[in-house]
Amino acid sequence: VGWAEAHGAKVINFSAVTGPSGDLIDAVDTAIDN
């Protein structure tokens, strides 16, 4: 998520499922904020 946002993606597709994580929430929140 962090790499995609930093390299110009305006849409991130995540066609998979993983578990909960504070770091993941932070990374997603940052991308959405940007």
All heavy atoms as atom14 arrays in JSON, in Angstrom:
{
  "sequence": "VGWAEAHGAKVINFSAVTGPSGDLIDAVDTAIDN",
  "atom14_mask": [
    [1, 1, 1, 1, 1, 1, 1, 0, 0, 0, 0, 0, 0, 0],
    [1, 1, 1, 1, 0, 0, 0, 0, 0, 0, 0, 0, 0, 0],
    [1, 1, 1, 1, 1, 1, 1, 1, 1, 1, 1, 1, 1, 1],
    [1, 1, 1, 1, 1, 0, 0, 0, 0, 0, 0, 0, 0, 0],
    [1, 1, 1, 1, 1, 1, 1, 1, 1, 0, 0, 0, 0, 0],
    [1, 1, 1, 1, 1, 0, 0, 0, 0, 0, 0, 0, 0, 0],
    [1, 1, 1, 1, 1, 1, 1, 1, 1, 1, 0, 0, 0, 0],
    [1, 1, 1, 1, 0, 0, 0, 0, 0, 0, 0, 0, 0, 0],
    [1, 1, 1, 1, 1, 0, 0, 0, 0, 0, 0, 0, 0, 0],
    [1, 1, 1, 1, 1, 1, 1, 1, 1, 0, 0, 0, 0, 0],
    [1, 1, 1, 1, 1, 1, 1, 0, 0, 0, 0, 0, 0, 0],
    [1, 1, 1, 1, 1, 1, 1, 1, 0, 0, 0, 0, 0, 0],
    [1, 1, 1, 1, 1, 1, 1, 1, 0, 0, 0, 0, 0, 0],
    [1, 1, 1, 1, 1, 1, 1, 1, 1, 1, 1, 0, 0, 0],
    [1, 1, 1, 1, 1, 1, 0, 0, 0, 0, 0, 0, 0, 0],
    [1, 1, 1, 1, 1, 0, 0, 0, 0, 0, 0, 0, 0, 0],
    [1, 1, 1, 1, 1, 1, 1, 0, 0, 0, 0, 0, 0, 0],
    [1, 1, 1, 1, 1, 1, 1, 0, 0, 0, 0, 0, 0, 0],
    [1, 1, 1, 1, 0, 0, 0, 0, 0, 0, 0, 0, 0, 0],
    [1, 1, 1, 1, 1, 1, 1, 0, 0, 0, 0, 0, 0, 0],
    [1, 1, 1, 1, 1, 1, 0, 0, 0, 0, 0, 0, 0, 0],
    [1, 1, 1, 1, 0, 0, 0, 0, 0, 0, 0, 0, 0, 0],
    [1, 1, 1, 1, 1, 1, 1, 1, 0, 0, 0, 0, 0, 0],
    [1, 1, 1, 1, 1, 1, 1, 1, 0, 0, 0, 0, 0, 0],
    [1, 1, 1, 1, 1, 1, 1, 1, 0, 0, 0, 0, 0, 0],
    [1, 1, 1, 1, 1, 1, 1, 1, 0, 0, 0, 0, 0, 0],
    [1, 1, 1, 1, 1, 0, 0, 0, 0, 0, 0, 0, 0, 0],
    [1, 1, 1, 1, 1, 1, 1, 0, 0, 0, 0, 0, 0, 0],
    [1, 1, 1, 1, 1, 1, 1, 1, 0, 0, 0, 0, 0, 0],
    [1, 1, 1, 1, 1, 1, 1, 0, 0, 0, 0, 0, 0, 0],
    [1, 1, 1, 1, 1, 0, 0, 0, 0, 0, 0, 0, 0, 0],
    [1, 1, 1, 1, 1, 1, 1, 1, 0, 0, 0, 0, 0, 0],
    [1, 1, 1, 1, 1, 1, 1, 1, 0, 0, 0, 0, 0, 0],
    [1, 1, 1, 1, 1, 1, 1, 1, 0, 0, 0, 0, 0, 0]
  ],
  "atom14_positions": [
    [[0.84, -1.2, 0.0], [0.0, 0.0, 0.0], [0.87, 1.25, 0.0], [0.65, 2.2, -0.78], [-0.95, 0.0, 1.21], [-1.67, 1.34, 1.34], [-1.98, -1.12, 1.08], [0.0, 0.0, 0.0], [0.0, 0.0, 0.0], [0.0, 0.0, 0.0], [0.0, 0.0, 0.0], [0.0, 0.0, 0.0], [0.0, 0.0, 0.0], [0.0, 0.0, 0.0]],
    [[1.87, 1.27, 0.84], [2.76, 2.44, 0.91], [3.52, 2.66, -0.37], [3.65, 3.8, -0.84], [0.0, 0.0, 0.0], [0.0, 0.0, 0.0], [0.0, 0.0, 0.0], [0.0, 0.0, 0.0], [0.0, 0.0, 0.0], [0.0, 0.0, 0.0], [0.0, 0.0, 0.0], [0.0, 0.0, 0.0], [0.0, 0.0, 0.0], [0.0, 0.0, 0.0]],
    [[4.05, 1.57, -0.97], [4.81, 1.69, -2.21], [3.94, 2.19, -3.35], [4.34, 3.06, -4.13], [5.45, 0.36, -2.57], [6.5, 0.46, -3.63], [7.85, 0.6, -3.46], [6.29, 0.44, -5.06], [8.49, 0.67, -4.68], [7.55, 0.57, -5.69], [5.16, 0.32, -5.87], [7.72, 0.59, -7.07], [5.31, 0.35, -7.25], [6.58, 0.48, -7.83]],
    [[2.74, 1.65, -3.45], [1.82, 2.04, -4.54], [1.46, 3.52, -4.44], [1.49, 4.25, -5.43], [0.57, 1.18, -4.48], [0.0, 0.0, 0.0], [0.0, 0.0, 0.0], [0.0, 0.0, 0.0], [0.0, 0.0, 0.0], [0.0, 0.0, 0.0], [0.0, 0.0, 0.0], [0.0, 0.0, 0.0], [0.0, 0.0, 0.0], [0.0, 0.0, 0.0]],
    [[1.15, 3.97, -3.23], [0.79, 5.37, -3.04], [1.96, 6.29, -3.36], [1.81, 7.33, -4.01], [0.3, 5.57, -1.61], [-0.27, 6.95, -1.33], [0.79, 7.93, -0.84], [1.66, 7.5, -0.06], [0.75, 9.1, -1.26], [0.0, 0.0, 0.0], [0.0, 0.0, 0.0], [0.0, 0.0, 0.0], [0.0, 0.0, 0.0], [0.0, 0.0, 0.0]],
    [[3.16, 5.88, -2.97], [4.35, 6.7, -3.2], [4.76, 6.74, -4.65], [5.49, 7.65, -5.07], [5.51, 6.16, -2.35], [0.0, 0.0, 0.0], [0.0, 0.0, 0.0], [0.0, 0.0, 0.0], [0.0, 0.0, 0.0], [0.0, 0.0, 0.0], [0.0, 0.0, 0.0], [0.0, 0.0, 0.0], [0.0, 0.0, 0.0], [0.0, 0.0, 0.0]],
    [[4.3, 5.78, -5.45], [4.71, 5.7, -6.86], [3.57, 6.06, -7.83], [3.55, 5.6, -8.97], [5.27, 4.32, -7.17], [6.64, 4.11, -6.57], [6.81, 3.79, -5.24], [7.88, 4.19, -7.11], [8.11, 3.68, -4.99], [8.78, 3.92, -6.1], [0.0, 0.0, 0.0], [0.0, 0.0, 0.0], [0.0, 0.0, 0.0], [0.0, 0.0, 0.0]],
    [[2.65, 6.88, -7.36], [1.71, 7.51, -8.27], [0.39, 6.82, -8.51], [-0.41, 7.28, -9.33], [0.0, 0.0, 0.0], [0.0, 0.0, 0.0], [0.0, 0.0, 0.0], [0.0, 0.0, 0.0], [0.0, 0.0, 0.0], [0.0, 0.0, 0.0], [0.0, 0.0, 0.0], [0.0, 0.0, 0.0], [0.0, 0.0, 0.0], [0.0, 0.0, 0.0]],
    [[0.1, 5.72, -7.82], [-1.2, 5.06, -8.0], [-2.31, 5.93, -7.42], [-2.18, 6.45, -6.31], [-1.19, 3.69, -7.32], [0.0, 0.0, 0.0], [0.0, 0.0, 0.0], [0.0, 0.0, 0.0], [0.0, 0.0, 0.0], [0.0, 0.0, 0.0], [0.0, 0.0, 0.0], [0.0, 0.0, 0.0], [0.0, 0.0, 0.0], [0.0, 0.0, 0.0]],
    [[-3.38, 6.08, -8.16], [-4.55, 6.81, -7.68], [-5.67, 5.85, -7.29], [-6.68, 6.26, -6.71], [-5.05, 7.8, -8.73], [-4.08, 8.96, -8.96], [-3.82, 9.72, -7.66], [-2.87, 10.88, -7.85], [-2.55, 11.54, -6.55], [0.0, 0.0, 0.0], [0.0, 0.0, 0.0], [0.0, 0.0, 0.0], [0.0, 0.0, 0.0], [0.0, 0.0, 0.0]],
    [[-5.5, 4.58, -7.65], [-6.42, 3.52, -7.24], [-5.55, 2.34, -6.81], [-4.56, 2.02, -7.48], [-7.35, 3.08, -8.39], [-8.37, 2.06, -7.9], [-8.05, 4.27, -9.03], [0.0, 0.0, 0.0], [0.0, 0.0, 0.0], [0.0, 0.0, 0.0], [0.0, 0.0, 0.0], [0.0, 0.0, 0.0], [0.0, 0.0, 0.0], [0.0, 0.0, 0.0]],
    [[-5.9, 1.71, -5.69], [-5.22, 0.49, -5.26], [-6.23, -0.64, -5.24], [-7.27, -0.53, -4.57], [-4.58, 0.65, -3.87], [-3.41, 1.64, -3.95], [-4.1, -0.69, -3.33], [-2.76, 1.93, -2.59], [0.0, 0.0, 0.0], [0.0, 0.0, 0.0], [0.0, 0.0, 0.0], [0.0, 0.0, 0.0], [0.0, 0.0, 0.0], [0.0, 0.0, 0.0]],
    [[-5.96, -1.69, -5.99], [-6.83, -2.87, -6.01], [-6.21, -3.96, -5.14], [-5.08, -4.38, -5.36], [-6.99, -3.38, -7.44], [-7.96, -4.55, -7.52], [-9.15, -4.36, -7.77], [-7.47, -5.77, -7.31], [0.0, 0.0, 0.0], [0.0, 0.0, 0.0], [0.0, 0.0, 0.0], [0.0, 0.0, 0.0], [0.0, 0.0, 0.0], [0.0, 0.0, 0.0]],
    [[-7.0, -4.43, -4.16], [-6.54, -5.49, -3.27], [-7.56, -6.63, -3.34], [-8.51, -6.69, -2.57], [-6.42, -4.97, -1.84], [-5.5, -5.78, -0.96], [-4.18, -5.41, -0.79], [-5.95, -6.91, -0.3], [-3.32, -6.15, 0.01], [-5.12, -7.66, 0.49], [-3.8, -7.28, 0.66], [0.0, 0.0, 0.0], [0.0, 0.0, 0.0], [0.0, 0.0, 0.0]],
    [[-7.35, -7.53, -4.31], [-8.26, -8.65, -4.51], [-7.84, -9.84, -3.67], [-7.72, -10.97, -4.16], [-8.31, -9.04, -5.99], [-9.05, -8.1, -6.73], [0.0, 0.0, 0.0], [0.0, 0.0, 0.0], [0.0, 0.0, 0.0], [0.0, 0.0, 0.0], [0.0, 0.0, 0.0], [0.0, 0.0, 0.0], [0.0, 0.0, 0.0], [0.0, 0.0, 0.0]],
    [[-7.61, -9.6, -2.4], [-7.18, -10.65, -1.49], [-7.64, -10.26, -0.1], [-8.19, -9.18, 0.12], [-5.66, -10.81, -1.53], [0.0, 0.0, 0.0], [0.0, 0.0, 0.0], [0.0, 0.0, 0.0], [0.0, 0.0, 0.0], [0.0, 0.0, 0.0], [0.0, 0.0, 0.0], [0.0, 0.0, 0.0], [0.0, 0.0, 0.0], [0.0, 0.0, 0.0]],
    [[-7.44, -11.17, 0.83], [-7.86, -10.94, 2.2], [-6.69, -11.25, 3.13], [-6.01, -12.26, 2.97], [-9.06, -11.84, 2.56], [-9.34, -11.8, 4.06], [-10.3, -11.41, 1.79], [0.0, 0.0, 0.0], [0.0, 0.0, 0.0], [0.0, 0.0, 0.0], [0.0, 0.0, 0.0], [0.0, 0.0, 0.0], [0.0, 0.0, 0.0], [0.0, 0.0, 0.0]],
    [[-6.45, -10.36, 4.06], [-5.45, -10.62, 5.1], [-6.06, -10.27, 6.44], [-7.26, -9.97, 6.53], [-4.15, -9.84, 4.83], [-3.13, -10.26, 5.73], [-4.37, -8.34, 4.93], [0.0, 0.0, 0.0], [0.0, 0.0, 0.0], [0.0, 0.0, 0.0], [0.0, 0.0, 0.0], [0.0, 0.0, 0.0], [0.0, 0.0, 0.0], [0.0, 0.0, 0.0]],
    [[-5.27, -10.33, 7.51], [-5.79, -10.11, 8.84], [-5.7, -8.66, 9.29], [-5.11, -7.81, 8.61], [0.0, 0.0, 0.0], [0.0, 0.0, 0.0], [0.0, 0.0, 0.0], [0.0, 0.0, 0.0], [0.0, 0.0, 0.0], [0.0, 0.0, 0.0], [0.0, 0.0, 0.0], [0.0, 0.0, 0.0], [0.0, 0.0, 0.0], [0.0, 0.0, 0.0]],
    [[-6.27, -8.37, 10.45], [-6.23, -7.0, 10.98], [-4.83, -6.64, 11.47], [-4.08, -7.49, 11.93], [-7.22, -7.04, 12.14], [-7.24, -8.47, 12.57], [-7.03, -9.29, 11.34], [0.0, 0.0, 0.0], [0.0, 0.0, 0.0], [0.0, 0.0, 0.0], [0.0, 0.0, 0.0], [0.0, 0.0, 0.0], [0.0, 0.0, 0.0], [0.0, 0.0, 0.0]],
    [[-4.51, -5.38, 11.33], [-3.2, -4.89, 11.75], [-3.26, -3.39, 11.88], [-3.78, -2.7, 10.99], [-2.14, -5.3, 10.73], [-1.0, -4.48, 10.79], [0.0, 0.0, 0.0], [0.0, 0.0, 0.0], [0.0, 0.0, 0.0], [0.0, 0.0, 0.0], [0.0, 0.0, 0.0], [0.0, 0.0, 0.0], [0.0, 0.0, 0.0], [0.0, 0.0, 0.0]],
    [[-2.7, -2.88, 12.96], [-2.63, -1.43, 13.12], [-1.79, -0.79, 12.03], [-2.11, 0.3, 11.54], [0.0, 0.0, 0.0], [0.0, 0.0, 0.0], [0.0, 0.0, 0.0], [0.0, 0.0, 0.0], [0.0, 0.0, 0.0], [0.0, 0.0, 0.0], [0.0, 0.0, 0.0], [0.0, 0.0, 0.0], [0.0, 0.0, 0.0], [0.0, 0.0, 0.0]],
    [[-0.7, -1.45, 11.64], [0.16, -0.91, 10.58], [-0.58, -0.86, 9.24], [-0.41, 0.09, 8.47], [1.42, -1.76, 10.44], [2.39, -1.58, 11.6], [2.26, -0.57, 12.33], [3.26, -2.45, 11.78], [0.0, 0.0, 0.0], [0.0, 0.0, 0.0], [0.0, 0.0, 0.0], [0.0, 0.0, 0.0], [0.0, 0.0, 0.0], [0.0, 0.0, 0.0]],
    [[-1.39, -1.89, 8.97], [-2.15, -1.89, 7.72], [-3.19, -0.79, 7.72], [-3.38, -0.07, 6.72], [-2.82, -3.25, 7.5], [-3.65, -3.39, 6.22], [-2.79, -3.15, 4.99], [-4.3, -4.77, 6.15], [0.0, 0.0, 0.0], [0.0, 0.0, 0.0], [0.0, 0.0, 0.0], [0.0, 0.0, 0.0], [0.0, 0.0, 0.0], [0.0, 0.0, 0.0]],
    [[-3.88, -0.62, 8.84], [-4.86, 0.46, 8.95], [-4.19, 1.82, 8.74], [-4.71, 2.68, 8.0], [-5.59, 0.41, 10.31], [-6.44, -0.85, 10.4], [-6.46, 1.66, 10.51], [-7.02, -1.11, 11.78], [0.0, 0.0, 0.0], [0.0, 0.0, 0.0], [0.0, 0.0, 0.0], [0.0, 0.0, 0.0], [0.0, 0.0, 0.0], [0.0, 0.0, 0.0]],
    [[-3.03, 2.01, 9.34], [-2.31, 3.27, 9.18], [-1.91, 3.5, 7.72], [-2.03, 4.62, 7.2], [-1.06, 3.28, 10.06], [-1.38, 3.42, 11.54], [-2.52, 3.79, 11.87], [-0.48, 3.13, 12.36], [0.0, 0.0, 0.0], [0.0, 0.0, 0.0], [0.0, 0.0, 0.0], [0.0, 0.0, 0.0], [0.0, 0.0, 0.0], [0.0, 0.0, 0.0]],
    [[-1.42, 2.45, 7.05], [-0.99, 2.58, 5.66], [-2.17, 2.92, 4.75], [-2.08, 3.79, 3.87], [-0.31, 1.29, 5.2], [0.0, 0.0, 0.0], [0.0, 0.0, 0.0], [0.0, 0.0, 0.0], [0.0, 0.0, 0.0], [0.0, 0.0, 0.0], [0.0, 0.0, 0.0], [0.0, 0.0, 0.0], [0.0, 0.0, 0.0], [0.0, 0.0, 0.0]],
    [[-3.3, 2.24, 4.98], [-4.49, 2.5, 4.17], [-5.02, 3.9, 4.45], [-5.39, 4.64, 3.51], [-5.56, 1.43, 4.44], [-6.91, 1.84, 3.83], [-5.12, 0.09, 3.88], [0.0, 0.0, 0.0], [0.0, 0.0, 0.0], [0.0, 0.0, 0.0], [0.0, 0.0, 0.0], [0.0, 0.0, 0.0], [0.0, 0.0, 0.0], [0.0, 0.0, 0.0]],
    [[-5.07, 4.29, 5.71], [-5.55, 5.64, 6.06], [-4.69, 6.72, 5.4], [-5.21, 7.73, 4.91], [-5.54, 5.83, 7.58], [-6.67, 5.08, 8.28], [-7.59, 4.62, 7.58], [-6.62, 4.97, 9.52], [0.0, 0.0, 0.0], [0.0, 0.0, 0.0], [0.0, 0.0, 0.0], [0.0, 0.0, 0.0], [0.0, 0.0, 0.0], [0.0, 0.0, 0.0]],
    [[-3.38, 6.49, 5.38], [-2.48, 7.46, 4.76], [-2.74, 7.56, 3.27], [-2.79, 8.68, 2.7], [-1.01, 7.07, 5.01], [-0.75, 7.09, 6.42], [-0.06, 8.02, 4.31], [0.0, 0.0, 0.0], [0.0, 0.0, 0.0], [0.0, 0.0, 0.0], [0.0, 0.0, 0.0], [0.0, 0.0, 0.0], [0.0, 0.0, 0.0], [0.0, 0.0, 0.0]],
    [[-2.9, 6.43, 2.63], [-3.19, 6.43, 1.19], [-4.49, 7.17, 0.9], [-4.56, 7.99, -0.03], [-3.23, 5.0, 0.66], [0.0, 0.0, 0.0], [0.0, 0.0, 0.0], [0.0, 0.0, 0.0], [0.0, 0.0, 0.0], [0.0, 0.0, 0.0], [0.0, 0.0, 0.0], [0.0, 0.0, 0.0], [0.0, 0.0, 0.0], [0.0, 0.0, 0.0]],
    [[-5.53, 6.88, 1.67], [-6.82, 7.53, 1.46], [-6.7, 9.04, 1.71], [-7.25, 9.85, 0.95], [-7.89, 6.9, 2.37], [-8.18, 5.46, 1.92], [-9.18, 7.74, 2.36], [-9.1, 4.68, 2.86], [0.0, 0.0, 0.0], [0.0, 0.0, 0.0], [0.0, 0.0, 0.0], [0.0, 0.0, 0.0], [0.0, 0.0, 0.0], [0.0, 0.0, 0.0]],
    [[-5.98, 9.42, 2.75], [-5.77, 10.84, 3.03], [-5.06, 11.55, 1.89], [-5.24, 12.76, 1.69], [-4.97, 11.02, 4.32], [-5.77, 10.68, 5.57], [-7.0, 10.59, 5.48], [-5.14, 10.48, 6.63], [0.0, 0.0, 0.0], [0.0, 0.0, 0.0], [0.0, 0.0, 0.0], [0.0, 0.0, 0.0], [0.0, 0.0, 0.0], [0.0, 0.0, 0.0]],
    [[-4.24, 10.8, 1.15], [-3.51, 11.37, 0.02], [-4.25, 11.22, -1.31], [-3.65, 11.4, -2.37], [-2.13, 10.73, -0.07], [-1.2, 11.18, 1.05], [-1.33, 12.29, 1.56], [-0.28, 10.32, 1.45], [0.0, 0.0, 0.0], [0.0, 0.0, 0.0], [0.0, 0.0, 0.0], [0.0, 0.0, 0.0], [0.0, 0.0, 0.0], [0.0, 0.0, 0.0]]
  ]
}
